[in-house]
Amino acid sequence: MEYKNTKAPTSTITYDKNKIEAPTDNIYEAITIIAKRADQISSDLKNELIEKLEEFATYTDSLDEVFENKEQIEVSKYYEKLPKSTAIAVQEWLDGKIYHRNPEETQK
């Protein structure tokens, strides 16, 4: 998923409760779906960051090599500036990009 090009805000904003609950008609169900998606996004971003940082990893135990790697710092700063996973998940929810279904309703 392309989280870097998202339109999600990087700071805290207030959302319209009616817009969030509209697809499910239940605010708690909507928040649960958004939370699960935020967990997925967070996990994806963490794995991606770990992969990028491992490219710069050194596996020697020399005291001379305990310097700060500028590339690692730049990669870390880039990921810190991205919107939080919850903001991305809410934006996806409001844009209708999250597929959800209630198994109880499909069995009836």
PDB file of N, CA and C in Angstrom:
ATOM      1  N   MET A   1       0.845  -1.175   0.000  1.00  0.00           N
ATOM      2  CA  MET A   1       0.000   0.000   0.000  1.00  0.00           C
ATOM      3  C   MET A   1       0.890   1.238   0.000  1.00  0.00           C
ATOM      4  N   GLU A   2       0.414   2.261  -0.571  1.00  0.00           N
ATOM      5  CA  GLU A   2       1.184   3.494  -0.712  1.00  0.00           C
ATOM      6  C   GLU A   2       0.779   4.466   0.401  1.00  0.00           C
ATOM      7  N   TYR A   3       1.400   4.335   1.561  1.00  0.00           N
ATOM      8  CA  TYR A   3       1.068   5.189   2.699  1.00  0.00           C
ATOM      9  C   TYR A   3       1.745   6.546   2.605  1.00  0.00           C
ATOM     10  N   LYS A   4       2.769   6.637   1.783  1.00  0.00           N
ATOM     11  CA  LYS A   4       3.527   7.886   1.686  1.00  0.00           C
ATOM     12  C   LYS A   4       2.761   8.958   0.918  1.00  0.00           C
ATOM     13  N   ASN A   5       1.849   8.553   0.083  1.00  0.00           N
ATOM     14  CA  ASN A   5       1.088   9.504  -0.740  1.00  0.00           C
ATOM     15  C   ASN A   5      -0.323   9.733  -0.202  1.00  0.00           C
ATOM     16  N   THR A   6      -0.540   9.435   1.041  1.00  0.00           N
ATOM     17  CA  THR A   6      -1.865   9.583   1.615  1.00  0.00           C
ATOM     18  C   THR A   6      -2.187  11.051   1.898  1.00  0.00           C
ATOM     19  N   LYS A   7      -3.461  11.343   1.957  1.00  0.00           N
ATOM     20  CA  LYS A   7      -3.908  12.701   2.250  1.00  0.00           C
ATOM     21  C   LYS A   7      -4.255  12.854   3.731  1.00  0.00           C
ATOM     22  N   ALA A   8      -3.853  11.881   4.530  1.00  0.00           N
ATOM     23  CA  ALA A   8      -4.159  11.919   5.958  1.00  0.00           C
ATOM     24  C   ALA A   8      -3.395  13.049   6.635  1.00  0.00           C
ATOM     25  N   PRO A   9      -4.023  13.686   7.606  1.00  0.00           N
ATOM     26  CA  PRO A   9      -3.352  14.789   8.304  1.00  0.00           C
ATOM     27  C   PRO A   9      -2.228  14.278   9.192  1.00  0.00           C
ATOM     28  N   THR A  10      -1.203  15.097   9.360  1.00  0.00           N
ATOM     29  CA  THR A  10      -0.081  14.713  10.221  1.00  0.00           C
ATOM     30  C   THR A  10      -0.286  15.184  11.654  1.00  0.00           C
ATOM     31  N   SER A  11      -1.298  15.981  11.894  1.00  0.00           N
ATOM     32  CA  SER A  11      -1.594  16.426  13.254  1.00  0.00           C
ATOM     33  C   SER A  11      -3.025  16.021  13.607  1.00  0.00           C
ATOM     34  N   THR A  12      -3.376  16.199  14.837  1.00  0.00           N
ATOM     35  CA  THR A  12      -4.693  15.811  15.325  1.00  0.00           C
ATOM     36  C   THR A  12      -5.761  16.770  14.804  1.00  0.00           C
ATOM     37  N   ILE A  13      -6.843  16.197  14.287  1.00  0.00           N
ATOM     38  CA  ILE A  13      -7.983  17.003  13.845  1.00  0.00           C
ATOM     39  C   ILE A  13      -9.265  16.382  14.388  1.00  0.00           C
ATOM     40  N   THR A  14     -10.343  17.124  14.303  1.00  0.00           N
ATOM     41  CA  THR A  14     -11.648  16.639  14.742  1.00  0.00           C
ATOM     42  C   THR A  14     -12.416  16.130  13.528  1.00  0.00           C
ATOM     43  N   TYR A  15     -12.987  14.944  13.661  1.00  0.00           N
ATOM     44  CA  TYR A  15     -13.761  14.344  12.580  1.00  0.00           C
ATOM     45  C   TYR A  15     -15.247  14.422  12.904  1.00  0.00           C
ATOM     46  N   ASP A  16     -16.058  14.439  11.869  1.00  0.00           N
ATOM     47  CA  ASP A  16     -17.505  14.428  12.040  1.00  0.00           C
ATOM     48  C   ASP A  16     -17.942  13.006  12.377  1.00  0.00           C
ATOM     49  N   LYS A  17     -18.525  12.825  13.541  1.00  0.00           N
ATOM     50  CA  LYS A  17     -18.957  11.506  14.008  1.00  0.00           C
ATOM     51  C   LYS A  17     -19.941  10.861  13.032  1.00  0.00           C
ATOM     52  N   ASN A  18     -20.812  11.642  12.455  1.00  0.00           N
ATOM     53  CA  ASN A  18     -21.815  11.108  11.533  1.00  0.00           C
ATOM     54  C   ASN A  18     -21.177  10.519  10.281  1.00  0.00           C
ATOM     55  N   LYS A  19     -20.102  11.152   9.786  1.00  0.00           N
ATOM     56  CA  LYS A  19     -19.418  10.630   8.610  1.00  0.00           C
ATOM     57  C   LYS A  19     -18.697   9.324   8.929  1.00  0.00           C
ATOM     58  N   ILE A  20     -18.166   9.222  10.128  1.00  0.00           N
ATOM     59  CA  ILE A  20     -17.441   8.003  10.495  1.00  0.00           C
ATOM     60  C   ILE A  20     -18.394   6.834  10.679  1.00  0.00           C
ATOM     61  N   GLU A  21     -19.527   7.065  11.288  1.00  0.00           N
ATOM     62  CA  GLU A  21     -20.444   5.959  11.546  1.00  0.00           C
ATOM     63  C   GLU A  21     -21.380   5.654  10.373  1.00  0.00           C
ATOM     64  N   ALA A  22     -21.396   6.489   9.359  1.00  0.00           N
ATOM     65  CA  ALA A  22     -22.337   6.330   8.250  1.00  0.00           C
ATOM     66  C   ALA A  22     -22.288   4.953   7.565  1.00  0.00           C
ATOM     67  N   PRO A  23     -21.123   4.403   7.225  1.00  0.00           N
ATOM     68  CA  PRO A  23     -21.133   3.112   6.522  1.00  0.00           C
ATOM     69  C   PRO A  23     -21.685   1.948   7.344  1.00  0.00           C
ATOM     70  N   THR A  24     -21.592   2.005   8.659  1.00  0.00           N
ATOM     71  CA  THR A  24     -22.032   0.887   9.487  1.00  0.00           C
ATOM     72  C   THR A  24     -23.258   1.206  10.342  1.00  0.00           C
ATOM     73  N   ASP A  25     -23.610   2.478  10.467  1.00  0.00           N
ATOM     74  CA  ASP A  25     -24.688   2.942  11.346  1.00  0.00           C
ATOM     75  C   ASP A  25     -24.417   2.615  12.814  1.00  0.00           C
ATOM     76  N   ASN A  26     -23.145   2.388  13.146  1.00  0.00           N
ATOM     77  CA  ASN A  26     -22.752   2.084  14.512  1.00  0.00           C
ATOM     78  C   ASN A  26     -21.342   2.612  14.724  1.00  0.00           C
ATOM     79  N   ILE A  27     -21.198   3.596  15.586  1.00  0.00           N
ATOM     80  CA  ILE A  27     -19.895   4.232  15.789  1.00  0.00           C
ATOM     81  C   ILE A  27     -18.874   3.244  16.354  1.00  0.00           C
ATOM     82  N   TYR A  28     -19.303   2.342  17.224  1.00  0.00           N
ATOM     83  CA  TYR A  28     -18.384   1.390  17.835  1.00  0.00           C
ATOM     84  C   TYR A  28     -17.858   0.387  16.820  1.00  0.00           C
ATOM     85  N   GLU A  29     -18.728  -0.055  15.949  1.00  0.00           N
ATOM     86  CA  GLU A  29     -18.311  -0.975  14.892  1.00  0.00           C
ATOM     87  C   GLU A  29     -17.343  -0.276  13.932  1.00  0.00           C
ATOM     88  N   ALA A  30     -17.626   0.962  13.595  1.00  0.00           N
ATOM     89  CA  ALA A  30     -16.749   1.719  12.702  1.00  0.00           C
ATOM     90  C   ALA A  30     -15.375   1.916  13.330  1.00  0.00           C
ATOM     91  N   ILE A  31     -15.344   2.254  14.613  1.00  0.00           N
ATOM     92  CA  ILE A  31     -14.060   2.466  15.292  1.00  0.00           C
ATOM     93  C   ILE A  31     -13.282   1.159  15.385  1.00  0.00           C
ATOM     94  N   THR A  32     -13.963   0.060  15.594  1.00  0.00           N
ATOM     95  CA  THR A  32     -13.290  -1.237  15.644  1.00  0.00           C
ATOM     96  C   THR A  32     -12.658  -1.570  14.300  1.00  0.00           C
ATOM     97  N   ILE A  33     -13.362  -1.325  13.233  1.00  0.00           N
ATOM     98  CA  ILE A  33     -12.829  -1.581  11.887  1.00  0.00           C
ATOM     99  C   ILE A  33     -11.631  -0.676  11.616  1.00  0.00           C
ATOM    100  N   ILE A  34     -11.748   0.597  11.973  1.00  0.00           N
ATOM    101  CA  ILE A  34     -10.647   1.541  11.771  1.00  0.00           C
ATOM    102  C   ILE A  34      -9.437   1.125  12.605  1.00  0.00           C
ATOM    103  N   ALA A  35      -9.659   0.677  13.832  1.00  0.00           N
ATOM    104  CA  ALA A  35      -8.553   0.255  14.704  1.00  0.00           C
ATOM    105  C   ALA A  35      -7.831  -0.961  14.136  1.00  0.00           C
ATOM    106  N   LYS A  36      -8.583  -1.910  13.602  1.00  0.00           N
ATOM    107  CA  LYS A  36      -7.946  -3.091  13.008  1.00  0.00           C
ATOM    108  C   LYS A  36      -7.122  -2.703  11.785  1.00  0.00           C
ATOM    109  N   ARG A  37      -7.635  -1.786  10.998  1.00  0.00           N
ATOM    110  CA  ARG A  37      -6.886  -1.313   9.823  1.00  0.00           C
ATOM    111  C   ARG A  37      -5.646  -0.547  10.257  1.00  0.00           C
ATOM    112  N   ALA A  38      -5.759   0.248  11.319  1.00  0.00           N
ATOM    113  CA  ALA A  38      -4.601   0.991  11.823  1.00  0.00           C
ATOM    114  C   ALA A  38      -3.514   0.035  12.298  1.00  0.00           C
ATOM    115  N   ASP A  39      -3.904  -1.082  12.913  1.00  0.00           N
ATOM    116  CA  ASP A  39      -2.926  -2.097  13.325  1.00  0.00           C
ATOM    117  C   ASP A  39      -2.208  -2.685  12.115  1.00  0.00           C
ATOM    118  N   GLN A  40      -2.957  -2.950  11.043  1.00  0.00           N
ATOM    119  CA  GLN A  40      -2.345  -3.477   9.823  1.00  0.00           C
ATOM    120  C   GLN A  40      -1.349  -2.478   9.235  1.00  0.00           C
ATOM    121  N   ILE A  41      -1.741  -1.224   9.172  1.00  0.00           N
ATOM    122  CA  ILE A  41      -0.880  -0.185   8.615  1.00  0.00           C
ATOM    123  C   ILE A  41       0.375  -0.033   9.463  1.00  0.00           C
ATOM    124  N   SER A  42       0.202  -0.011  10.766  1.00  0.00           N
ATOM    125  CA  SER A  42       1.335   0.123  11.678  1.00  0.00           C
ATOM    126  C   SER A  42       2.318  -1.026  11.498  1.00  0.00           C
ATOM    127  N   SER A  43       1.807  -2.214  11.378  1.00  0.00           N
ATOM    128  CA  SER A  43       2.660  -3.387  11.170  1.00  0.00           C
ATOM    129  C   SER A  43       3.406  -3.309   9.837  1.00  0.00           C
ATOM    130  N   ASP A  44       2.707  -2.896   8.790  1.00  0.00           N
ATOM    131  CA  ASP A  44       3.340  -2.747   7.475  1.00  0.00           C
ATOM    132  C   ASP A  44       4.462  -1.712   7.504  1.00  0.00           C
ATOM    133  N   LEU A  45       4.185  -0.568   8.121  1.00  0.00           N
ATOM    134  CA  LEU A  45       5.190   0.497   8.193  1.00  0.00           C
ATOM    135  C   LEU A  45       6.391   0.064   9.029  1.00  0.00           C
ATOM    136  N   LYS A  46       6.131  -0.651  10.113  1.00  0.00           N
ATOM    137  CA  LYS A  46       7.227  -1.126  10.964  1.00  0.00           C
ATOM    138  C   LYS A  46       8.113  -2.106  10.208  1.00  0.00           C
ATOM    139  N   ASN A  47       7.502  -3.045   9.501  1.00  0.00           N
ATOM    140  CA  ASN A  47       8.281  -4.015   8.725  1.00  0.00           C
ATOM    141  C   ASN A  47       9.086  -3.324   7.631  1.00  0.00           C
ATOM    142  N   GLU A  48       8.488  -2.350   6.985  1.00  0.00           N
ATOM    143  CA  GLU A  48       9.183  -1.609   5.930  1.00  0.00           C
ATOM    144  C   GLU A  48      10.367  -0.830   6.500  1.00  0.00           C
ATOM    145  N   LEU A  49      10.179  -0.205   7.643  1.00  0.00           N
ATOM    146  CA  LEU A  49      11.255   0.547   8.290  1.00  0.00           C
ATOM    147  C   LEU A  49      12.390  -0.378   8.720  1.00  0.00           C
ATOM    148  N   ILE A  50      12.054  -1.513   9.288  1.00  0.00           N
ATOM    149  CA  ILE A  50      13.080  -2.468   9.718  1.00  0.00           C
ATOM    150  C   ILE A  50      13.892  -2.950   8.518  1.00  0.00           C
ATOM    151  N   GLU A  51      13.217  -3.239   7.405  1.00  0.00           N
ATOM    152  CA  GLU A  51      13.923  -3.667   6.187  1.00  0.00           C
ATOM    153  C   GLU A  51      14.899  -2.598   5.712  1.00  0.00           C
ATOM    154  N   LYS A  52      14.452  -1.344   5.714  1.00  0.00           N
ATOM    155  CA  LYS A  52      15.326  -0.264   5.241  1.00  0.00           C
ATOM    156  C   LYS A  52      16.498  -0.042   6.185  1.00  0.00           C
ATOM    157  N   LEU A  53      16.262  -0.139   7.489  1.00  0.00           N
ATOM    158  CA  LEU A  53      17.341   0.068   8.451  1.00  0.00           C
ATOM    159  C   LEU A  53      18.350  -1.079   8.433  1.00  0.00           C
ATOM    160  N   GLU A  54      17.891  -2.290   8.105  1.00  0.00           N
ATOM    161  CA  GLU A  54      18.811  -3.424   8.033  1.00  0.00           C
ATOM    162  C   GLU A  54      19.809  -3.286   6.888  1.00  0.00           C
ATOM    163  N   GLU A  55      19.469  -2.498   5.890  1.00  0.00           N
ATOM    164  CA  GLU A  55      20.403  -2.262   4.790  1.00  0.00           C
ATOM    165  C   GLU A  55      21.664  -1.558   5.277  1.00  0.00           C
ATOM    166  N   PHE A  56      21.520  -0.769   6.338  1.00  0.00           N
ATOM    167  CA  PHE A  56      22.644  -0.003   6.848  1.00  0.00           C
ATOM    168  C   PHE A  56      23.306  -0.662   8.060  1.00  0.00           C
ATOM    169  N   ALA A  57      22.783  -1.782   8.491  1.00  0.00           N
ATOM    170  CA  ALA A  57      23.277  -2.421   9.708  1.00  0.00           C
ATOM    171  C   ALA A  57      24.686  -2.964   9.517  1.00  0.00           C
ATOM    172  N   THR A  58      25.489  -2.822  10.544  1.00  0.00           N
ATOM    173  CA  THR A  58      26.821  -3.428  10.576  1.00  0.00           C
ATOM    174  C   THR A  58      26.823  -4.464  11.678  1.00  0.00           C
ATOM    175  N   TYR A  59      27.450  -5.580  11.432  1.00  0.00           N
ATOM    176  CA  TYR A  59      27.421  -6.684  12.376  1.00  0.00           C
ATOM    177  C   TYR A  59      28.782  -6.937  13.012  1.00  0.00           C
ATOM    178  N   THR A  60      29.559  -5.895  13.200  1.00  0.00           N
ATOM    179  CA  THR A  60      30.834  -6.027  13.879  1.00  0.00           C
ATOM    180  C   THR A  60      30.752  -5.345  15.231  1.00  0.00           C
ATOM    181  N   ASP A  61      31.461  -5.866  16.189  1.00  0.00           N
ATOM    182  CA  ASP A  61      31.434  -5.317  17.543  1.00  0.00           C
ATOM    183  C   ASP A  61      32.679  -4.483  17.817  1.00  0.00           C
ATOM    184  N   SER A  62      32.894  -3.509  17.018  1.00  0.00           N
ATOM    185  CA  SER A  62      34.044  -2.642  17.191  1.00  0.00           C
ATOM    186  C   SER A  62      33.590  -1.312  17.771  1.00  0.00           C
ATOM    187  N   LEU A  63      34.322  -0.830  18.747  1.00  0.00           N
ATOM    188  CA  LEU A  63      33.962   0.448  19.353  1.00  0.00           C
ATOM    189  C   LEU A  63      34.157   1.605  18.384  1.00  0.00           C
ATOM    190  N   ASP A  64      35.007   1.421  17.390  1.00  0.00           N
ATOM    191  CA  ASP A  64      35.232   2.470  16.408  1.00  0.00           C
ATOM    192  C   ASP A  64      34.011   2.681  15.520  1.00  0.00           C
ATOM    193  N   GLU A  65      33.153   1.681  15.435  1.00  0.00           N
ATOM    194  CA  GLU A  65      32.007   1.754  14.530  1.00  0.00           C
ATOM    195  C   GLU A  65      30.717   2.112  15.257  1.00  0.00           C
ATOM    196  N   VAL A  66      30.818   2.705  16.405  1.00  0.00           N
ATOM    197  CA  VAL A  66      29.635   3.100  17.148  1.00  0.00           C
ATOM    198  C   VAL A  66      29.293   4.552  16.827  1.00  0.00           C
ATOM    199  N   PHE A  67      29.388   4.902  15.581  1.00  0.00           N
ATOM    200  CA  PHE A  67      29.045   6.251  15.153  1.00  0.00           C
ATOM    201  C   PHE A  67      27.633   6.247  14.587  1.00  0.00           C
ATOM    202  N   GLU A  68      27.052   7.408  14.499  1.00  0.00           N
ATOM    203  CA  GLU A  68      25.691   7.519  13.987  1.00  0.00           C
ATOM    204  C   GLU A  68      25.712   7.501  12.471  1.00  0.00           C
ATOM    205  N   ASN A  69      24.979   6.593  11.924  1.00  0.00           N
ATOM    206  CA  ASN A  69      24.891   6.460  10.475  1.00  0.00           C
ATOM    207  C   ASN A  69      23.879   7.485   9.963  1.00  0.00           C
ATOM    208  N   LYS A  70      24.324   8.411   9.145  1.00  0.00           N
ATOM    209  CA  LYS A  70      23.459   9.491   8.666  1.00  0.00           C
ATOM    210  C   LYS A  70      22.298   8.969   7.831  1.00  0.00           C
ATOM    211  N   GLU A  71      22.529   7.907   7.069  1.00  0.00           N
ATOM    212  CA  GLU A  71      21.449   7.344   6.248  1.00  0.00           C
ATOM    213  C   GLU A  71      20.346   6.780   7.135  1.00  0.00           C
ATOM    214  N   GLN A  72      20.729   6.092   8.219  1.00  0.00           N
ATOM    215  CA  GLN A  72      19.732   5.552   9.138  1.00  0.00           C
ATOM    216  C   GLN A  72      18.912   6.674   9.767  1.00  0.00           C
ATOM    217  N   ILE A  73      19.586   7.749  10.125  1.00  0.00           N
ATOM    218  CA  ILE A  73      18.889   8.875  10.743  1.00  0.00           C
ATOM    219  C   ILE A  73      17.896   9.490   9.760  1.00  0.00           C
ATOM    220  N   GLU A  74      18.297   9.647   8.503  1.00  0.00           N
ATOM    221  CA  GLU A  74      17.398  10.230   7.497  1.00  0.00           C
ATOM    222  C   GLU A  74      16.181   9.338   7.263  1.00  0.00           C
ATOM    223  N   VAL A  75      16.399   8.023   7.185  1.00  0.00           N
ATOM    224  CA  VAL A  75      15.282   7.087   6.987  1.00  0.00           C
ATOM    225  C   VAL A  75      14.339   7.165   8.175  1.00  0.00           C
ATOM    226  N   SER A  76      14.882   7.187   9.383  1.00  0.00           N
ATOM    227  CA  SER A  76      14.054   7.256  10.587  1.00  0.00           C
ATOM    228  C   SER A  76      13.256   8.556  10.635  1.00  0.00           C
ATOM    229  N   LYS A  77      13.879   9.662  10.304  1.00  0.00           N
ATOM    230  CA  LYS A  77      13.184  10.948  10.307  1.00  0.00           C
ATOM    231  C   LYS A  77      12.054  10.962   9.285  1.00  0.00           C
ATOM    232  N   TYR A  78      12.295  10.342   8.124  1.00  0.00           N
ATOM    233  CA  TYR A  78      11.264  10.290   7.086  1.00  0.00           C
ATOM    234  C   TYR A  78      10.024   9.560   7.612  1.00  0.00           C
ATOM    235  N   TYR A  79      10.239   8.411   8.276  1.00  0.00           N
ATOM    236  CA  TYR A  79       9.117   7.641   8.784  1.00  0.00           C
ATOM    237  C   TYR A  79       8.438   8.331   9.963  1.00  0.00           C
ATOM    238  N   GLU A  80       9.185   9.116  10.723  1.00  0.00           N
ATOM    239  CA  GLU A  80       8.583   9.861  11.827  1.00  0.00           C
ATOM    240  C   GLU A  80       7.661  10.961  11.317  1.00  0.00           C
ATOM    241  N   LYS A  81       7.946  11.501  10.146  1.00  0.00           N
ATOM    242  CA  LYS A  81       7.144  12.589   9.587  1.00  0.00           C
ATOM    243  C   LYS A  81       5.868  12.097   8.904  1.00  0.00           C
ATOM    244  N   LEU A  82       5.772  10.800   8.631  1.00  0.00           N
ATOM    245  CA  LEU A  82       4.561  10.264   8.014  1.00  0.00           C
ATOM    246  C   LEU A  82       3.382  10.396   8.974  1.00  0.00           C
ATOM    247  N   PRO A  83       2.165  10.487   8.452  1.00  0.00           N
ATOM    248  CA  PRO A  83       0.992  10.513   9.335  1.00  0.00           C
ATOM    249  C   PRO A  83       0.921   9.227  10.157  1.00  0.00           C
ATOM    250  N   LYS A  84       0.336   9.311  11.319  1.00  0.00           N
ATOM    251  CA  LYS A  84       0.180   8.141  12.183  1.00  0.00           C
ATOM    252  C   LYS A  84      -0.759   7.141  11.523  1.00  0.00           C
ATOM    253  N   SER A  85      -0.595   5.891  11.902  1.00  0.00           N
ATOM    254  CA  SER A  85      -1.396   4.826  11.282  1.00  0.00           C
ATOM    255  C   SER A  85      -2.890   5.025  11.521  1.00  0.00           C
ATOM    256  N   THR A  86      -3.264   5.563  12.661  1.00  0.00           N
ATOM    257  CA  THR A  86      -4.683   5.804  12.918  1.00  0.00           C
ATOM    258  C   THR A  86      -5.237   6.887  11.993  1.00  0.00           C
ATOM    259  N   ALA A  87      -4.454   7.917  11.721  1.00  0.00           N
ATOM    260  CA  ALA A  87      -4.907   8.978  10.812  1.00  0.00           C
ATOM    261  C   ALA A  87      -5.058   8.436   9.391  1.00  0.00           C
ATOM    262  N   ILE A  88      -4.136   7.572   8.982  1.00  0.00           N
ATOM    263  CA  ILE A  88      -4.228   6.965   7.646  1.00  0.00           C
ATOM    264  C   ILE A  88      -5.467   6.083   7.566  1.00  0.00           C
ATOM    265  N   ALA A  89      -5.718   5.301   8.620  1.00  0.00           N
ATOM    266  CA  ALA A  89      -6.876   4.398   8.633  1.00  0.00           C
ATOM    267  C   ALA A  89      -8.188   5.183   8.590  1.00  0.00           C
ATOM    268  N   VAL A  90      -8.277   6.273   9.340  1.00  0.00           N
ATOM    269  CA  VAL A  90      -9.499   7.088   9.324  1.00  0.00           C
ATOM    270  C   VAL A  90      -9.702   7.692   7.941  1.00  0.00           C
ATOM    271  N   GLN A  91      -8.628   8.169   7.331  1.00  0.00           N
ATOM    272  CA  GLN A  91      -8.749   8.758   5.992  1.00  0.00           C
ATOM    273  C   GLN A  91      -9.204   7.707   4.979  1.00  0.00           C
ATOM    274  N   GLU A  92      -8.642   6.502   5.061  1.00  0.00           N
ATOM    275  CA  GLU A  92      -9.081   5.413   4.176  1.00  0.00           C
ATOM    276  C   GLU A  92     -10.557   5.096   4.411  1.00  0.00           C
ATOM    277  N   TRP A  93     -10.978   5.096   5.660  1.00  0.00           N
ATOM    278  CA  TRP A  93     -12.374   4.814   6.000  1.00  0.00           C
ATOM    279  C   TRP A  93     -13.298   5.868   5.398  1.00  0.00           C
ATOM    280  N   LEU A  94     -12.925   7.131   5.553  1.00  0.00           N
ATOM    281  CA  LEU A  94     -13.760   8.211   5.020  1.00  0.00           C
ATOM    282  C   LEU A  94     -13.770   8.227   3.501  1.00  0.00           C
ATOM    283  N   ASP A  95     -12.683   7.764   2.868  1.00  0.00           N
ATOM    284  CA  ASP A  95     -12.615   7.697   1.408  1.00  0.00           C
ATOM    285  C   ASP A  95     -13.269   6.433   0.849  1.00  0.00           C
ATOM    286  N   GLY A  96     -13.727   5.541   1.732  1.00  0.00           N
ATOM    287  CA  GLY A  96     -14.377   4.309   1.302  1.00  0.00           C
ATOM    288  C   GLY A  96     -13.416   3.265   0.757  1.00  0.00           C
ATOM    289  N   LYS A  97     -12.186   3.281   1.208  1.00  0.00           N
ATOM    290  CA  LYS A  97     -11.180   2.350   0.705  1.00  0.00           C
ATOM    291  C   LYS A  97     -11.035   1.095   1.568  1.00  0.00           C
ATOM    292  N   ILE A  98     -11.774   1.017   2.658  1.00  0.00           N
ATOM    293  CA  ILE A  98     -11.686  -0.144   3.546  1.00  0.00           C
ATOM    294  C   ILE A  98     -12.902  -1.024   3.310  1.00  0.00           C
ATOM    295  N   TYR A  99     -12.633  -2.276   2.946  1.00  0.00           N
ATOM    296  CA  TYR A  99     -13.709  -3.254   2.761  1.00  0.00           C
ATOM    297  C   TYR A  99     -14.030  -3.869   4.117  1.00  0.00           C
ATOM    298  N   HIS A 100     -15.292  -3.949   4.440  1.00  0.00           N
ATOM    299  CA  HIS A 100     -15.706  -4.569   5.702  1.00  0.00           C
ATOM    300  C   HIS A 100     -17.016  -5.294   5.484  1.00  0.00           C
ATOM    301  N   ARG A 101     -17.221  -6.297   6.306  1.00  0.00           N
ATOM    302  CA  ARG A 101     -18.496  -7.010   6.286  1.00  0.00           C
ATOM    303  C   ARG A 101     -18.746  -7.564   7.672  1.00  0.00           C
ATOM    304  N   ASN A 102     -19.974  -7.750   7.994  1.00  0.00           N
ATOM    305  CA  ASN A 102     -20.354  -8.312   9.275  1.00  0.00           C
ATOM    306  C   ASN A 102     -20.793  -9.751   9.028  1.00  0.00           C
ATOM    307  N   PRO A 103     -20.057 -10.734   9.517  1.00  0.00           N
ATOM    308  CA  PRO A 103     -20.401 -12.139   9.253  1.00  0.00           C
ATOM    309  C   PRO A 103     -21.790 -12.520   9.766  1.00  0.00           C
ATOM    310  N   GLU A 104     -22.235 -11.892  10.831  1.00  0.00           N
ATOM    311  CA  GLU A 104     -23.555 -12.184  11.365  1.00  0.00           C
ATOM    312  C   GLU A 104     -24.665 -11.762  10.402  1.00  0.00           C
ATOM    313  N   GLU A 105     -24.459 -10.653   9.694  1.00  0.00           N
ATOM    314  CA  GLU A 105     -25.465 -10.178   8.760  1.00  0.00           C
ATOM    315  C   GLU A 105     -25.492 -10.999   7.471  1.00  0.00           C
ATOM    316  N   THR A 106     -24.341 -11.543   7.046  1.00  0.00           N
ATOM    317  CA  THR A 106     -24.310 -12.321   5.813  1.00  0.00           C
ATOM    318  C   THR A 106     -24.875 -13.716   5.994  1.00  0.00           C
ATOM    319  N   GLN A 107     -24.942 -14.219   7.231  1.00  0.00           N
ATOM    320  CA  GLN A 107     -25.500 -15.544   7.489  1.00  0.00           C
ATOM    321  C   GLN A 107     -27.018 -15.543   7.502  1.00  0.00           C
ATOM    322  N   LYS A 108     -27.622 -14.397   7.739  1.00  0.00           N
ATOM    323  CA  LYS A 108     -29.088 -14.302   7.836  1.00  0.00           C
ATOM    324  C   LYS A 108     -29.745 -14.378   6.494  1.00  0.00           C
TER     325      LYS A 108
END
